[in-house]
PDB file of N, CA and C in Angstrom:
ATOM      1  N   UNK A   1     141.205 -90.946 -50.387  1.00  0.00           N
ATOM      2  CA  UNK A   1     139.879 -90.959 -49.899  1.00  0.00           C
ATOM      3  C   UNK A   1     139.860 -90.827 -48.401  1.00  0.00           C
ATOM      4  N   UNK A   2     139.162 -89.884 -47.807  1.00  0.00           N
ATOM      5  CA  UNK A   2     139.164 -89.763 -46.421  1.00  0.00           C
ATOM      6  C   UNK A   2     138.254 -90.816 -45.771  1.00  0.00           C
ATOM      7  N   UNK A   3     138.792 -91.461 -44.725  1.00  0.00           N
ATOM      8  CA  UNK A   3     138.057 -92.466 -43.940  1.00  0.00           C
ATOM      9  C   UNK A   3     137.968 -91.969 -42.500  1.00  0.00           C
ATOM     10  N   UNK A   4     136.873 -92.334 -41.878  1.00  0.00           N
ATOM     11  CA  UNK A   4     136.579 -91.854 -40.422  1.00  0.00           C
ATOM     12  C   UNK A   4     136.451 -93.001 -39.488  1.00  0.00           C
ATOM     13  N   UNK A   5     137.123 -92.884 -38.365  1.00  0.00           N
ATOM     14  CA  UNK A   5     137.109 -93.819 -37.318  1.00  0.00           C
ATOM     15  C   UNK A   5     135.499 -93.680 -36.827  1.00  0.00           C
ATOM     16  N   UNK A   6     135.010 -94.729 -36.227  1.00  0.00           N
ATOM     17  CA  UNK A   6     133.606 -94.751 -35.753  1.00  0.00           C
ATOM     18  C   UNK A   6     133.498 -93.606 -34.662  1.00  0.00           C
ATOM     19  N   UNK A   7     134.564 -93.459 -33.889  1.00  0.00           N
ATOM     20  CA  UNK A   7     134.511 -92.406 -32.948  1.00  0.00           C
ATOM     21  C   UNK A   7     134.389 -90.977 -33.616  1.00  0.00           C
ATOM     22  N   UNK A   8     135.082 -90.800 -34.553  1.00  0.00           N
ATOM     23  CA  UNK A   8     135.034 -89.513 -35.352  1.00  0.00           C
ATOM     24  C   UNK A   8     133.599 -89.351 -35.908  1.00  0.00           C
ATOM     25  N   UNK A   9     133.164 -90.348 -36.585  1.00  0.00           N
ATOM     26  CA  UNK A   9     131.802 -90.315 -37.100  1.00  0.00           C
ATOM     27  C   UNK A   9     130.727 -89.830 -35.986  1.00  0.00           C
ATOM     28  N   UNK A  10     130.815 -90.381 -34.897  1.00  0.00           N
ATOM     29  CA  UNK A  10     129.975 -90.025 -33.811  1.00  0.00           C
ATOM     30  C   UNK A  10     130.130 -88.617 -33.321  1.00  0.00           C
ATOM     31  N   UNK A  11     131.432 -88.186 -33.155  1.00  0.00           N
ATOM     32  CA  UNK A  11     131.692 -86.867 -32.674  1.00  0.00           C
ATOM     33  C   UNK A  11     131.307 -85.765 -33.765  1.00  0.00           C
ATOM     34  N   UNK A  12     131.438 -86.067 -34.973  1.00  0.00           N
ATOM     35  CA  UNK A  12     131.004 -85.086 -35.948  1.00  0.00           C
ATOM     36  C   UNK A  12     129.559 -84.739 -35.837  1.00  0.00           C
ATOM     37  N   UNK A  13     128.729 -85.746 -35.576  1.00  0.00           N
ATOM     38  CA  UNK A  13     127.241 -85.511 -35.423  1.00  0.00           C
ATOM     39  C   UNK A  13     127.102 -84.791 -34.149  1.00  0.00           C
ATOM     40  N   UNK A  14     127.598 -85.276 -33.094  1.00  0.00           N
ATOM     41  CA  UNK A  14     127.526 -84.703 -31.780  1.00  0.00           C
ATOM     42  C   UNK A  14     127.915 -83.262 -31.767  1.00  0.00           C
ATOM     43  N   UNK A  15     129.013 -82.891 -32.453  1.00  0.00           N
ATOM     44  CA  UNK A  15     129.617 -81.620 -32.343  1.00  0.00           C
ATOM     45  C   UNK A  15     129.209 -80.730 -33.456  1.00  0.00           C
ATOM     46  N   UNK A  16     128.301 -81.162 -34.374  1.00  0.00           N
ATOM     47  CA  UNK A  16     127.757 -80.472 -35.477  1.00  0.00           C
ATOM     48  C   UNK A  16     128.902 -79.952 -36.362  1.00  0.00           C
ATOM     49  N   UNK A  17     129.803 -80.816 -36.784  1.00  0.00           N
ATOM     50  CA  UNK A  17     130.918 -80.545 -37.632  1.00  0.00           C
ATOM     51  C   UNK A  17     130.740 -81.195 -38.968  1.00  0.00           C
ATOM     52  N   UNK A  18     130.768 -80.360 -39.995  1.00  0.00           N
ATOM     53  CA  UNK A  18     130.459 -80.990 -41.345  1.00  0.00           C
ATOM     54  C   UNK A  18     131.643 -81.583 -41.956  1.00  0.00           C
ATOM     55  N   UNK A  19     131.464 -82.631 -42.719  1.00  0.00           N
ATOM     56  CA  UNK A  19     132.536 -83.320 -43.319  1.00  0.00           C
ATOM     57  C   UNK A  19     133.238 -82.431 -44.394  1.00  0.00           C
ATOM     58  N   UNK A  20     132.534 -81.381 -44.980  1.00  0.00           N
ATOM     59  CA  UNK A  20     133.246 -80.595 -45.804  1.00  0.00           C
ATOM     60  C   UNK A  20     134.270 -79.632 -45.112  1.00  0.00           C
ATOM     61  N   UNK A  21     133.953 -79.344 -43.876  1.00  0.00           N
ATOM     62  CA  UNK A  21     134.969 -78.614 -43.053  1.00  0.00           C
ATOM     63  C   UNK A  21     136.217 -79.444 -42.777  1.00  0.00           C
ATOM     64  N   UNK A  22     135.913 -80.731 -42.536  1.00  0.00           N
ATOM     65  CA  UNK A  22     137.182 -81.674 -42.318  1.00  0.00           C
ATOM     66  C   UNK A  22     138.048 -81.676 -43.560  1.00  0.00           C
ATOM     67  N   UNK A  23     137.406 -81.753 -44.720  1.00  0.00           N
ATOM     68  CA  UNK A  23     138.155 -81.812 -45.924  1.00  0.00           C
ATOM     69  C   UNK A  23     138.914 -80.463 -46.228  1.00  0.00           C
ATOM     70  N   UNK A  24     138.202 -79.474 -45.840  1.00  0.00           N
ATOM     71  CA  UNK A  24     138.931 -78.075 -45.990  1.00  0.00           C
ATOM     72  C   UNK A  24     140.272 -78.056 -45.128  1.00  0.00           C
ATOM     73  N   UNK A  25     140.211 -78.550 -43.859  1.00  0.00           N
ATOM     74  CA  UNK A  25     141.226 -78.579 -43.011  1.00  0.00           C
ATOM     75  C   UNK A  25     142.309 -79.442 -43.477  1.00  0.00           C
ATOM     76  N   UNK A  26     141.947 -80.619 -43.943  1.00  0.00           N
ATOM     77  CA  UNK A  26     143.019 -81.574 -44.437  1.00  0.00           C
ATOM     78  C   UNK A  26     143.680 -81.027 -45.696  1.00  0.00           C
ATOM     79  N   UNK A  27     143.030 -80.359 -46.600  1.00  0.00           N
ATOM     80  CA  UNK A  27     143.640 -79.816 -47.816  1.00  0.00           C
ATOM     81  C   UNK A  27     144.390 -78.632 -47.571  1.00  0.00           C
ATOM     82  N   UNK A  28     144.058 -77.742 -46.575  1.00  0.00           N
ATOM     83  CA  UNK A  28     144.805 -76.426 -46.425  1.00  0.00           C
ATOM     84  C   UNK A  28     144.936 -76.214 -44.860  1.00  0.00           C
ATOM     85  N   UNK A  29     145.719 -76.895 -44.039  1.00  0.00           N
ATOM     86  CA  UNK A  29     145.660 -76.510 -42.678  1.00  0.00           C
ATOM     87  C   UNK A  29     146.521 -75.106 -42.371  1.00  0.00           C
ATOM     88  N   UNK A  30     145.950 -74.414 -41.400  1.00  0.00           N
ATOM     89  CA  UNK A  30     146.780 -73.201 -41.012  1.00  0.00           C
ATOM     90  C   UNK A  30     147.975 -73.542 -40.047  1.00  0.00           C
ATOM     91  N   UNK A  31     147.801 -74.534 -39.315  1.00  0.00           N
ATOM     92  CA  UNK A  31     148.845 -75.206 -38.413  1.00  0.00           C
ATOM     93  C   UNK A  31     148.831 -76.686 -38.470  1.00  0.00           C
ATOM     94  N   UNK A  32     149.967 -77.284 -38.048  1.00  0.00           N
ATOM     95  CA  UNK A  32     150.081 -78.720 -37.771  1.00  0.00           C
ATOM     96  C   UNK A  32     150.761 -78.912 -36.556  1.00  0.00           C
ATOM     97  N   UNK A  33     150.375 -80.009 -35.732  1.00  0.00           N
ATOM     98  CA  UNK A  33     151.178 -80.362 -34.561  1.00  0.00           C
ATOM     99  C   UNK A  33     151.353 -81.873 -34.556  1.00  0.00           C
ATOM    100  N   UNK A  34     152.548 -82.311 -34.212  1.00  0.00           N
ATOM    101  CA  UNK A  34     152.634 -83.774 -34.167  1.00  0.00           C
ATOM    102  C   UNK A  34     152.648 -84.212 -32.767  1.00  0.00           C
ATOM    103  N   UNK A  35     151.819 -85.278 -32.388  1.00  0.00           N
ATOM    104  CA  UNK A  35     151.764 -85.843 -31.095  1.00  0.00           C
ATOM    105  C   UNK A  35     151.904 -87.350 -31.184  1.00  0.00           C
ATOM    106  N   UNK A  36     153.173 -87.773 -31.133  1.00  0.00           N
ATOM    107  CA  UNK A  36     153.366 -89.255 -31.118  1.00  0.00           C
ATOM    108  C   UNK A  36     152.875 -89.863 -32.453  1.00  0.00           C
ATOM    109  N   UNK A  37     151.999 -90.817 -32.485  1.00  0.00           N
ATOM    110  CA  UNK A  37     151.588 -91.435 -33.727  1.00  0.00           C
ATOM    111  C   UNK A  37     150.339 -90.658 -34.444  1.00  0.00           C
ATOM    112  N   UNK A  38     150.056 -89.481 -33.819  1.00  0.00           N
ATOM    113  CA  UNK A  38     148.969 -88.697 -34.318  1.00  0.00           C
ATOM    114  C   UNK A  38     149.383 -87.390 -34.898  1.00  0.00           C
ATOM    115  N   UNK A  39     148.702 -86.850 -35.812  1.00  0.00           N
ATOM    116  CA  UNK A  39     148.933 -85.479 -36.415  1.00  0.00           C
ATOM    117  C   UNK A  39     147.776 -84.639 -36.247  1.00  0.00           C
ATOM    118  N   UNK A  40     147.856 -83.431 -35.634  1.00  0.00           N
ATOM    119  CA  UNK A  40     146.704 -82.471 -35.581  1.00  0.00           C
ATOM    120  C   UNK A  40     146.839 -81.422 -36.593  1.00  0.00           C
ATOM    121  N   UNK A  41     145.790 -81.340 -37.402  1.00  0.00           N
ATOM    122  CA  UNK A  41     145.644 -80.228 -38.379  1.00  0.00           C
ATOM    123  C   UNK A  41     144.786 -79.179 -38.005  1.00  0.00           C
ATOM    124  N   UNK A  42     145.049 -77.961 -37.988  1.00  0.00           N
ATOM    125  CA  UNK A  42     144.152 -76.915 -37.452  1.00  0.00           C
ATOM    126  C   UNK A  42     143.919 -75.872 -38.540  1.00  0.00           C
ATOM    127  N   UNK A  43     142.701 -75.319 -38.562  1.00  0.00           N
ATOM    128  CA  UNK A  43     142.295 -74.238 -39.481  1.00  0.00           C
ATOM    129  C   UNK A  43     141.316 -73.318 -38.697  1.00  0.00           C
ATOM    130  N   UNK A  44     141.370 -72.048 -38.963  1.00  0.00           N
ATOM    131  CA  UNK A  44     140.598 -71.037 -38.322  1.00  0.00           C
ATOM    132  C   UNK A  44     139.191 -71.116 -38.946  1.00  0.00           C
ATOM    133  N   UNK A  45     138.181 -71.005 -38.076  1.00  0.00           N
ATOM    134  CA  UNK A  45     136.845 -70.897 -38.514  1.00  0.00           C
ATOM    135  C   UNK A  45     136.265 -69.713 -37.836  1.00  0.00           C
ATOM    136  N   UNK A  46     136.366 -68.499 -38.585  1.00  0.00           N
ATOM    137  CA  UNK A  46     136.025 -67.275 -37.857  1.00  0.00           C
ATOM    138  C   UNK A  46     134.590 -67.133 -37.373  1.00  0.00           C
ATOM    139  N   UNK A  47     133.708 -67.894 -38.003  1.00  0.00           N
ATOM    140  CA  UNK A  47     132.324 -67.890 -37.572  1.00  0.00           C
ATOM    141  C   UNK A  47     132.166 -68.509 -36.192  1.00  0.00           C
ATOM    142  N   UNK A  48     133.062 -69.411 -35.811  1.00  0.00           N
ATOM    143  CA  UNK A  48     133.078 -69.996 -34.533  1.00  0.00           C
ATOM    144  C   UNK A  48     134.109 -69.408 -33.534  1.00  0.00           C
ATOM    145  N   UNK A  49     135.035 -68.627 -34.139  1.00  0.00           N
ATOM    146  CA  UNK A  49     135.951 -67.892 -33.323  1.00  0.00           C
ATOM    147  C   UNK A  49     137.052 -68.836 -32.697  1.00  0.00           C
ATOM    148  N   UNK A  50     137.221 -70.095 -33.342  1.00  0.00           N
ATOM    149  CA  UNK A  50     138.037 -71.041 -32.874  1.00  0.00           C
ATOM    150  C   UNK A  50     138.618 -71.783 -33.977  1.00  0.00           C
ATOM    151  N   UNK A  51     139.754 -72.497 -33.684  1.00  0.00           N
ATOM    152  CA  UNK A  51     140.322 -73.398 -34.710  1.00  0.00           C
ATOM    153  C   UNK A  51     139.706 -74.722 -34.601  1.00  0.00           C
ATOM    154  N   UNK A  52     139.449 -75.314 -35.794  1.00  0.00           N
ATOM    155  CA  UNK A  52     139.006 -76.723 -35.882  1.00  0.00           C
ATOM    156  C   UNK A  52     140.141 -77.553 -35.899  1.00  0.00           C
ATOM    157  N   UNK A  53     140.245 -78.458 -34.990  1.00  0.00           N
ATOM    158  CA  UNK A  53     141.388 -79.432 -34.785  1.00  0.00           C
ATOM    159  C   UNK A  53     140.947 -80.745 -35.411  1.00  0.00           C
ATOM    160  N   UNK A  54     141.612 -81.255 -36.329  1.00  0.00           N
ATOM    161  CA  UNK A  54     141.303 -82.550 -36.984  1.00  0.00           C
ATOM    162  C   UNK A  54     142.456 -83.420 -36.705  1.00  0.00           C
ATOM    163  N   UNK A  55     142.177 -84.550 -36.018  1.00  0.00           N
ATOM    164  CA  UNK A  55     143.363 -85.394 -35.589  1.00  0.00           C
ATOM    165  C   UNK A  55     143.237 -86.738 -36.494  1.00  0.00           C
ATOM    166  N   UNK A  56     144.386 -86.869 -37.092  1.00  0.00           N
ATOM    167  CA  UNK A  56     144.586 -88.066 -38.046  1.00  0.00           C
ATOM    168  C   UNK A  56     145.769 -88.903 -37.652  1.00  0.00           C
ATOM    169  N   UNK A  57     145.737 -90.088 -38.180  1.00  0.00           N
ATOM    170  CA  UNK A  57     147.019 -90.938 -37.972  1.00  0.00           C
ATOM    171  C   UNK A  57     148.201 -90.468 -38.767  1.00  0.00           C
ATOM    172  N   UNK A  58     149.290 -90.334 -38.093  1.00  0.00           N
ATOM    173  CA  UNK A  58     150.505 -89.875 -38.743  1.00  0.00           C
ATOM    174  C   UNK A  58     150.892 -90.792 -40.022  1.00  0.00           C
ATOM    175  N   UNK A  59     150.755 -92.009 -39.835  1.00  0.00           N
ATOM    176  CA  UNK A  59     151.108 -92.856 -40.920  1.00  0.00           C
ATOM    177  C   UNK A  59     150.019 -93.164 -42.014  1.00  0.00           C
ATOM    178  N   UNK A  60     148.831 -92.500 -41.780  1.00  0.00           N
ATOM    179  CA  UNK A  60     147.709 -92.546 -42.674  1.00  0.00           C
ATOM    180  C   UNK A  60     147.004 -91.301 -42.529  1.00  0.00           C
ATOM    181  N   UNK A  61     147.364 -90.178 -43.161  1.00  0.00           N
ATOM    182  CA  UNK A  61     146.800 -88.796 -42.920  1.00  0.00           C
ATOM    183  C   UNK A  61     145.279 -88.719 -43.416  1.00  0.00           C
ATOM    184  N   UNK A  62     144.832 -89.664 -44.081  1.00  0.00           N
ATOM    185  CA  UNK A  62     143.507 -89.566 -44.660  1.00  0.00           C
ATOM    186  C   UNK A  62     142.457 -90.331 -43.713  1.00  0.00           C
ATOM    187  N   UNK A  63     143.044 -90.938 -42.456  1.00  0.00           N
ATOM    188  CA  UNK A  63     142.188 -91.560 -41.520  1.00  0.00           C
ATOM    189  C   UNK A  63     142.014 -90.623 -40.311  1.00  0.00           C
ATOM    190  N   UNK A  64     140.706 -90.119 -40.286  1.00  0.00           N
ATOM    191  CA  UNK A  64     140.383 -89.210 -39.192  1.00  0.00           C
ATOM    192  C   UNK A  64     139.899 -89.876 -37.992  1.00  0.00           C
ATOM    193  N   UNK A  65     140.770 -89.527 -36.853  1.00  0.00           N
ATOM    194  CA  UNK A  65     140.444 -90.171 -35.516  1.00  0.00           C
ATOM    195  C   UNK A  65     139.318 -89.422 -34.807  1.00  0.00           C
ATOM    196  N   UNK A  66     139.407 -88.046 -34.841  1.00  0.00           N
ATOM    197  CA  UNK A  66     138.480 -87.176 -34.124  1.00  0.00           C
ATOM    198  C   UNK A  66     138.576 -85.724 -34.793  1.00  0.00           C
ATOM    199  N   UNK A  67     137.682 -84.856 -34.336  1.00  0.00           N
ATOM    200  CA  UNK A  67     137.679 -83.444 -34.716  1.00  0.00           C
ATOM    201  C   UNK A  67     136.864 -82.631 -33.670  1.00  0.00           C
ATOM    202  N   UNK A  68     137.409 -81.572 -33.359  1.00  0.00           N
ATOM    203  CA  UNK A  68     136.644 -80.711 -32.542  1.00  0.00           C
ATOM    204  C   UNK A  68     137.168 -79.300 -32.512  1.00  0.00           C
ATOM    205  N   UNK A  69     136.380 -78.297 -32.227  1.00  0.00           N
ATOM    206  CA  UNK A  69     136.684 -76.922 -32.097  1.00  0.00           C
ATOM    207  C   UNK A  69     137.396 -76.686 -30.834  1.00  0.00           C
ATOM    208  N   UNK A  70     138.734 -76.238 -30.985  1.00  0.00           N
ATOM    209  CA  UNK A  70     139.637 -76.222 -29.814  1.00  0.00           C
ATOM    210  C   UNK A  70     139.408 -75.009 -29.094  1.00  0.00           C
ATOM    211  N   UNK A  71     138.916 -75.027 -27.890  1.00  0.00           N
ATOM    212  CA  UNK A  71     138.739 -73.828 -27.061  1.00  0.00           C
ATOM    213  C   UNK A  71     140.078 -73.067 -26.696  1.00  0.00           C
ATOM    214  N   UNK A  72     141.106 -73.811 -26.606  1.00  0.00           N
ATOM    215  CA  UNK A  72     142.340 -73.383 -26.193  1.00  0.00           C
ATOM    216  C   UNK A  72     143.115 -72.608 -27.388  1.00  0.00           C
ATOM    217  N   UNK A  73     142.616 -72.677 -28.621  1.00  0.00           N
ATOM    218  CA  UNK A  73     143.247 -72.143 -29.780  1.00  0.00           C
ATOM    219  C   UNK A  73     142.287 -71.192 -30.464  1.00  0.00           C
ATOM    220  N   UNK A  74     142.139 -69.916 -30.081  1.00  0.00           N
ATOM    221  CA  UNK A  74     141.344 -69.030 -30.864  1.00  0.00           C
ATOM    222  C   UNK A  74     141.896 -68.630 -32.084  1.00  0.00           C
ATOM    223  N   UNK A  75     141.144 -68.162 -33.047  1.00  0.00           N
ATOM    224  CA  UNK A  75     141.716 -67.742 -34.350  1.00  0.00           C
ATOM    225  C   UNK A  75     142.551 -66.479 -34.154  1.00  0.00           C
ATOM    226  N   UNK A  76     143.592 -66.480 -34.798  1.00  0.00           N
ATOM    227  CA  UNK A  76     144.563 -65.271 -34.631  1.00  0.00           C
ATOM    228  C   UNK A  76     143.988 -64.012 -35.370  1.00  0.00           C
TER     229      UNK A  76
END
């Protein structure tokens, strides 16, 4: 079961990111990046022309810390 940090909940509303998109990234990421105790999962969203980055806890990958469309990672 996916759980969201309060920060993530706030940012999803602010950034207009749907929870269904988060679920899609978590189930089938195009890329993954490890950053210390965090794991970033990325998937291309062609309609936005960017990768959606979902940051989760490495030890609990169903706990979403934040999510955003990464300006530095265009879809390939």
